[in-house]
Structures are given as C-alpha cells and as structure tokens.
Amino acid sequence: MNKWVKGLIVSLASVSFFGVASTVPVHAASKAVALPKSYRGSWYLYGGAEAVSKKKAPVFSYARVKLAPKKVTYSICTSTAPTLKKPTWQVSFVAPLIYTKKVAKKTHKVSYRMVLRMTSGTPAITLSKTKVKVKILGKKVQALQVKISGTKFYAFRQPLPSHSVGDLLE
C-alpha cells in the first residue's frame, strides 16, 4: 500500500477512534438527531497522487465515506487513472455514530457533529454543506465540508481529483 493510503487510514482512524477522548454528558444521547437525507449516502474525498517510481504511472487515491443514520462506512480506493476510474479497493471500516445538530447563532447555518458510540467524547468531526468551485469542472458544485479538529476539507458526491486532503497528511 502506498503512503497516501496508509496516511489516510492512520489519520482518519486515529481521529475517529482516539481523537474524541473527553467525556460527554449523560444526556448526550437525548440530544441525538437524525441525519437529513440530503447528507446521507456516499461522499468522496480525494487523497492525491503519488509517483511510485519513474517508470510506473502515479497512483491516485480517494476515500469513500458512506453516511447512514446510525453508522459511517469508510473505504480507501486507489486508481492508476487520473479520472479515478477503475478503482482498486484497499481497506474499509465501519463505526457506529450518534449525530448532534448545531445551529450558528449569527448566521443560523446548520451543521451536524459526529460522535462515535464506542467512545465517550466530544465530537471531533463536523459536517456542513457548502458550494465549492471545482477546477476540473470549472463551476461551483455542492460539497460536504468536513471539519476535523479545526481543519476543513471537502467531499463530493462523485470521485473528483480536486481539493486534495493529501496536504493534511504531511
């Protein structure tokens, strides 16, 4: 497995499992909300490209995050095509979740926080929707803004080689 795939696995698994270590109040389960249908389904995070050697084509990686009402499925795929076609599956994991809703006081913008059921911790991952300009398409498209420990990156409904999260891993 190349370094991008390992980096994605290690960083997201560590944030998901160990990054939420402080305690949640006992009534946190009562604050749980259902994730809206517009957020559910598959979202894709572009991991970037890595040149394995001078003679071989670069390897492009991306993650598929499937949001369901009570769980998240995270899968890593790689491809030798820059368009991310014909992916090769690498690894997957599933984690049970509780979602909580947050509304900003000034802007009234709604976001959802993900809390893992297996840990008792404060949410480290925040989800919100936004429009983002994609260089490849030359227009703005709907994206899921994912904020992990203060760092923002974007997920799209289809695999797009845009807005790489690879720079977060270095």
C-alpha atoms as a PDB file:
ATOM      1  CA  MET A   1       0.000   0.000   0.000  1.00  0.00           C
ATOM      2  CA  ASN A   2       1.342   3.439  -0.842  1.00  0.00           C
ATOM      3  CA  LYS A   3       1.962   6.234   1.662  1.00  0.00           C
ATOM      4  CA  TRP A   4      -1.225   8.182   0.791  1.00  0.00           C
ATOM      5  CA  VAL A   5      -3.433   5.220   1.563  1.00  0.00           C
ATOM      6  CA  LYS A   6      -1.575   4.499   4.797  1.00  0.00           C
ATOM      7  CA  GLY A   7      -1.728   8.160   5.750  1.00  0.00           C
ATOM      8  CA  LEU A   8      -5.469   8.371   5.128  1.00  0.00           C
ATOM      9  CA  ILE A   9      -6.104   5.219   7.103  1.00  0.00           C
ATOM     10  CA  VAL A  10      -3.943   6.200  10.041  1.00  0.00           C
ATOM     11  CA  SER A  11      -5.115   9.795  10.270  1.00  0.00           C
ATOM     12  CA  LEU A  12      -8.836   9.194   9.953  1.00  0.00           C
ATOM     13  CA  ALA A  13      -8.804   6.072  12.098  1.00  0.00           C
ATOM     14  CA  SER A  14      -6.842   7.820  14.836  1.00  0.00           C
ATOM     15  CA  VAL A  15      -9.101  10.878  14.761  1.00  0.00           C
ATOM     16  CA  SER A  16     -12.179   8.686  14.755  1.00  0.00           C
ATOM     17  CA  PHE A  17     -11.150   6.297  17.484  1.00  0.00           C
ATOM     18  CA  PHE A  18      -8.700   8.141  19.721  1.00  0.00           C
ATOM     19  CA  GLY A  19      -9.280  11.826  18.987  1.00  0.00           C
ATOM     20  CA  VAL A  20     -12.511  12.064  20.926  1.00  0.00           C
ATOM     21  CA  ALA A  21     -11.269  11.307  24.408  1.00  0.00           C
ATOM     22  CA  SER A  22     -13.036  13.784  26.664  1.00  0.00           C
ATOM     23  CA  THR A  23     -16.328  12.876  28.298  1.00  0.00           C
ATOM     24  CA  VAL A  24     -19.846  13.505  27.008  1.00  0.00           C
ATOM     25  CA  PRO A  25     -22.640  14.391  29.395  1.00  0.00           C
ATOM     26  CA  VAL A  26     -25.028  11.575  30.261  1.00  0.00           C
ATOM     27  CA  HIS A  27     -27.867  13.316  28.442  1.00  0.00           C
ATOM     28  CA  ALA A  28     -25.923  13.433  25.123  1.00  0.00           C
ATOM     29  CA  ALA A  29     -27.961  10.557  23.696  1.00  0.00           C
ATOM     30  CA  SER A  30     -31.104  12.623  24.242  1.00  0.00           C
ATOM     31  CA  LYS A  31     -29.610  15.357  22.031  1.00  0.00           C
ATOM     32  CA  ALA A  32     -29.128  12.923  19.138  1.00  0.00           C
ATOM     33  CA  VAL A  33     -30.843  13.891  15.885  1.00  0.00           C
ATOM     34  CA  ALA A  34     -31.453  12.083  12.628  1.00  0.00           C
ATOM     35  CA  LEU A  35     -29.066  12.973   9.830  1.00  0.00           C
ATOM     36  CA  PRO A  36     -31.036  14.628   6.990  1.00  0.00           C
ATOM     37  CA  LYS A  37     -31.475  12.569   3.821  1.00  0.00           C
ATOM     38  CA  SER A  38     -29.536  15.165   1.823  1.00  0.00           C
ATOM     39  CA  TYR A  39     -26.426  14.336   3.875  1.00  0.00           C
ATOM     40  CA  ARG A  40     -26.826  10.555   3.687  1.00  0.00           C
ATOM     41  CA  GLY A  41     -25.153   8.400   1.070  1.00  0.00           C
ATOM     42  CA  SER A  42     -21.688   8.233  -0.435  1.00  0.00           C
ATOM     43  CA  TRP A  43     -19.238  11.141  -0.391  1.00  0.00           C
ATOM     44  CA  TYR A  44     -15.738  11.029  -1.885  1.00  0.00           C
ATOM     45  CA  LEU A  45     -12.538  12.611  -0.549  1.00  0.00           C
ATOM     46  CA  TYR A  46      -9.599  12.923  -2.949  1.00  0.00           C
ATOM     47  CA  GLY A  47      -6.362  11.801  -1.324  1.00  0.00           C
ATOM     48  CA  GLY A  48      -3.939  12.926  -4.004  1.00  0.00           C
ATOM     49  CA  ALA A  49      -1.421  11.293  -6.337  1.00  0.00           C
ATOM     50  CA  GLU A  50       1.866   9.591  -5.608  1.00  0.00           C
ATOM     51  CA  ALA A  51       4.542   8.604  -8.104  1.00  0.00           C
ATOM     52  CA  VAL A  52       5.629   5.087  -7.147  1.00  0.00           C
ATOM     53  CA  SER A  53       8.667   5.127  -9.471  1.00  0.00           C
ATOM     54  CA  LYS A  54       9.846   6.884 -12.606  1.00  0.00           C
ATOM     55  CA  LYS A  55       8.763   4.031 -14.864  1.00  0.00           C
ATOM     56  CA  LYS A  56       5.312   3.411 -13.365  1.00  0.00           C
ATOM     57  CA  ALA A  57       2.242   5.612 -13.611  1.00  0.00           C
ATOM     58  CA  PRO A  58       1.299   7.559 -10.478  1.00  0.00           C
ATOM     59  CA  VAL A  59      -1.255   6.095  -8.091  1.00  0.00           C
ATOM     60  CA  PHE A  60      -4.292   8.221  -7.244  1.00  0.00           C
ATOM     61  CA  SER A  61      -6.152   7.548  -4.004  1.00  0.00           C
ATOM     62  CA  TYR A  62      -9.515   8.531  -2.641  1.00  0.00           C
ATOM     63  CA  ALA A  63     -11.768   7.654   0.251  1.00  0.00           C
ATOM     64  CA  ARG A  64     -15.456   6.769   0.025  1.00  0.00           C
ATOM     65  CA  VAL A  65     -17.396   7.818   3.111  1.00  0.00           C
ATOM     66  CA  LYS A  66     -20.914   6.410   3.298  1.00  0.00           C
ATOM     67  CA  LEU A  67     -23.060   8.226   5.855  1.00  0.00           C
ATOM     68  CA  ALA A  68     -26.015   6.270   7.221  1.00  0.00           C
ATOM     69  CA  PRO A  69     -28.433   7.180  10.044  1.00  0.00           C
ATOM     70  CA  LYS A  70     -26.525   5.262  12.735  1.00  0.00           C
ATOM     71  CA  LYS A  71     -23.129   4.412  11.208  1.00  0.00           C
ATOM     72  CA  VAL A  72     -20.381   5.533   8.870  1.00  0.00           C
ATOM     73  CA  THR A  73     -18.537   3.279   6.417  1.00  0.00           C
ATOM     74  CA  TYR A  74     -15.086   4.445   5.327  1.00  0.00           C
ATOM     75  CA  SER A  75     -13.321   2.781   2.372  1.00  0.00           C
ATOM     76  CA  ILE A  76      -9.979   3.548   0.698  1.00  0.00           C
ATOM     77  CA  CYS A  77      -9.591   3.020  -3.054  1.00  0.00           C
ATOM     78  CA  THR A  78      -6.711   3.595  -5.463  1.00  0.00           C
ATOM     79  CA  SER A  79      -6.587   4.029  -9.220  1.00  0.00           C
ATOM     80  CA  THR A  80      -3.911   4.482 -11.852  1.00  0.00           C
ATOM     81  CA  ALA A  81      -6.239   6.660 -13.957  1.00  0.00           C
ATOM     82  CA  PRO A  82      -6.245  10.425 -13.250  1.00  0.00           C
ATOM     83  CA  THR A  83     -10.040  10.375 -13.728  1.00  0.00           C
ATOM     84  CA  LEU A  84     -10.253   7.881 -10.810  1.00  0.00           C
ATOM     85  CA  LYS A  85     -11.954   5.246 -12.981  1.00  0.00           C
ATOM     86  CA  LYS A  86     -11.499   1.504 -12.339  1.00  0.00           C
ATOM     87  CA  PRO A  87     -10.690   1.802  -8.622  1.00  0.00           C
ATOM     88  CA  THR A  88      -8.984  -0.898  -6.606  1.00  0.00           C
ATOM     89  CA  TRP A  89     -10.386  -1.373  -3.116  1.00  0.00           C
ATOM     90  CA  GLN A  90      -7.769  -1.311  -0.328  1.00  0.00           C
ATOM     91  CA  VAL A  91      -9.480  -1.341   3.079  1.00  0.00           C
ATOM     92  CA  SER A  92     -12.766  -0.448   4.821  1.00  0.00           C
ATOM     93  CA  PHE A  93     -14.053   0.066   8.325  1.00  0.00           C
ATOM     94  CA  VAL A  94     -17.463   0.760   9.865  1.00  0.00           C
ATOM     95  CA  ALA A  95     -18.168   2.750  13.018  1.00  0.00           C
ATOM     96  CA  PRO A  96     -21.488   3.319  14.837  1.00  0.00           C
ATOM     97  CA  LEU A  97     -22.390   7.010  15.288  1.00  0.00           C
ATOM     98  CA  ILE A  98     -24.673   9.466  17.001  1.00  0.00           C
ATOM     99  CA  TYR A  99     -25.321  12.785  15.229  1.00  0.00           C
ATOM    100  CA  THR A 100     -25.987  16.047  17.036  1.00  0.00           C
ATOM    101  CA  LYS A 101     -27.172  19.289  15.456  1.00  0.00           C
ATOM    102  CA  LYS A 102     -25.563  22.703  15.849  1.00  0.00           C
ATOM    103  CA  VAL A 103     -27.051  25.999  14.666  1.00  0.00           C
ATOM    104  CA  ALA A 104     -24.791  29.058  14.462  1.00  0.00           C
ATOM    105  CA  LYS A 105     -26.260  31.995  16.390  1.00  0.00           C
ATOM    106  CA  LYS A 106     -25.335  34.751  13.942  1.00  0.00           C
ATOM    107  CA  THR A 107     -25.745  33.038  10.558  1.00  0.00           C
ATOM    108  CA  HIS A 108     -28.269  30.332  11.523  1.00  0.00           C
ATOM    109  CA  LYS A 109     -26.186  27.891   9.464  1.00  0.00           C
ATOM    110  CA  VAL A 110     -26.853  24.270  10.426  1.00  0.00           C
ATOM    111  CA  SER A 111     -24.079  21.733  10.898  1.00  0.00           C
ATOM    112  CA  TYR A 112     -24.029  18.200  12.245  1.00  0.00           C
ATOM    113  CA  ARG A 113     -21.480  16.701  14.594  1.00  0.00           C
ATOM    114  CA  MET A 114     -20.479  13.046  14.565  1.00  0.00           C
ATOM    115  CA  VAL A 115     -19.939  11.280  17.899  1.00  0.00           C
ATOM    116  CA  LEU A 116     -18.724   7.695  17.892  1.00  0.00           C
ATOM    117  CA  ARG A 117     -20.853   5.411  20.037  1.00  0.00           C
ATOM    118  CA  MET A 118     -17.884   3.312  21.173  1.00  0.00           C
ATOM    119  CA  THR A 119     -16.158   6.280  22.806  1.00  0.00           C
ATOM    120  CA  SER A 120     -17.423   8.818  25.215  1.00  0.00           C
ATOM    121  CA  GLY A 121     -16.114  12.009  23.767  1.00  0.00           C
ATOM    122  CA  THR A 122     -16.875  15.385  22.356  1.00  0.00           C
ATOM    123  CA  PRO A 123     -17.415  15.472  18.604  1.00  0.00           C
ATOM    124  CA  ALA A 124     -14.226  15.916  16.614  1.00  0.00           C
ATOM    125  CA  ILE A 125     -15.909  15.796  13.190  1.00  0.00           C
ATOM    126  CA  THR A 126     -18.384  18.436  11.984  1.00  0.00           C
ATOM    127  CA  LEU A 127     -20.355  18.190   8.724  1.00  0.00           C
ATOM    128  CA  SER A 128     -21.965  21.050   6.801  1.00  0.00           C
ATOM    129  CA  LYS A 129     -22.921  21.671   3.185  1.00  0.00           C
ATOM    130  CA  THR A 130     -21.408  24.395   1.020  1.00  0.00           C
ATOM    131  CA  LYS A 131     -20.790  25.320  -2.614  1.00  0.00           C
ATOM    132  CA  VAL A 132     -17.175  24.937  -3.748  1.00  0.00           C
ATOM    133  CA  LYS A 133     -15.573  25.839  -7.081  1.00  0.00           C
ATOM    134  CA  VAL A 134     -14.035  22.747  -8.685  1.00  0.00           C
ATOM    135  CA  LYS A 135     -11.157  23.487 -11.077  1.00  0.00           C
ATOM    136  CA  ILE A 136     -11.805  20.378 -13.165  1.00  0.00           C
ATOM    137  CA  LEU A 137     -15.431  21.227 -13.895  1.00  0.00           C
ATOM    138  CA  GLY A 138     -14.912  24.990 -13.914  1.00  0.00           C
ATOM    139  CA  LYS A 139     -18.034  25.603 -11.830  1.00  0.00           C
ATOM    140  CA  LYS A 140     -19.309  25.514  -8.272  1.00  0.00           C
ATOM    141  CA  VAL A 141     -20.742  22.238  -7.033  1.00  0.00           C
ATOM    142  CA  GLN A 142     -22.361  21.123  -3.805  1.00  0.00           C
ATOM    143  CA  ALA A 143     -19.780  19.755  -1.365  1.00  0.00           C
ATOM    144  CA  LEU A 144     -19.799  18.361   2.120  1.00  0.00           C
ATOM    145  CA  GLN A 145     -17.464  20.420   4.279  1.00  0.00           C
ATOM    146  CA  VAL A 146     -15.806  18.129   6.788  1.00  0.00           C
ATOM    147  CA  LYS A 147     -14.060  19.776   9.725  1.00  0.00           C
ATOM    148  CA  ILE A 148     -11.757  17.586  11.802  1.00  0.00           C
ATOM    149  CA  SER A 149     -10.022  19.232  14.748  1.00  0.00           C
ATOM    150  CA  GLY A 150     -10.322  22.669  13.134  1.00  0.00           C
ATOM    151  CA  THR A 151      -9.061  21.628   9.677  1.00  0.00           C
ATOM    152  CA  LYS A 152     -11.539  21.879   6.782  1.00  0.00           C
ATOM    153  CA  PHE A 153     -11.662  19.741   3.658  1.00  0.00           C
ATOM    154  CA  TYR A 154     -14.306  18.852   1.106  1.00  0.00           C
ATOM    155  CA  ALA A 155     -16.109  15.705  -0.027  1.00  0.00           C
ATOM    156  CA  PHE A 156     -18.086  15.392  -3.250  1.00  0.00           C
ATOM    157  CA  ARG A 157     -20.871  13.084  -4.457  1.00  0.00           C
ATOM    158  CA  GLN A 158     -18.610  11.613  -7.137  1.00  0.00           C
ATOM    159  CA  PRO A 159     -14.860  10.934  -7.149  1.00  0.00           C
ATOM    160  CA  LEU A 160     -13.211  14.162  -8.346  1.00  0.00           C
ATOM    161  CA  PRO A 161      -9.462  14.849  -8.416  1.00  0.00           C
ATOM    162  CA  SER A 162      -9.987  18.204  -6.715  1.00  0.00           C
ATOM    163  CA  HIS A 163      -9.371  19.617  -3.227  1.00  0.00           C
ATOM    164  CA  SER A 164      -6.822  17.024  -2.150  1.00  0.00           C
ATOM    165  CA  VAL A 165      -6.655  16.059   1.508  1.00  0.00           C
ATOM    166  CA  GLY A 166      -3.121  14.770   0.914  1.00  0.00           C
ATOM    167  CA  ASP A 167      -1.590  18.018   2.138  1.00  0.00           C
ATOM    168  CA  LEU A 168      -3.231  17.393   5.517  1.00  0.00           C
ATOM    169  CA  LEU A 169      -1.212  14.211   5.952  1.00  0.00           C
ATOM    170  CA  GLU A 170       2.228  15.788   5.652  1.00  0.00           C
END
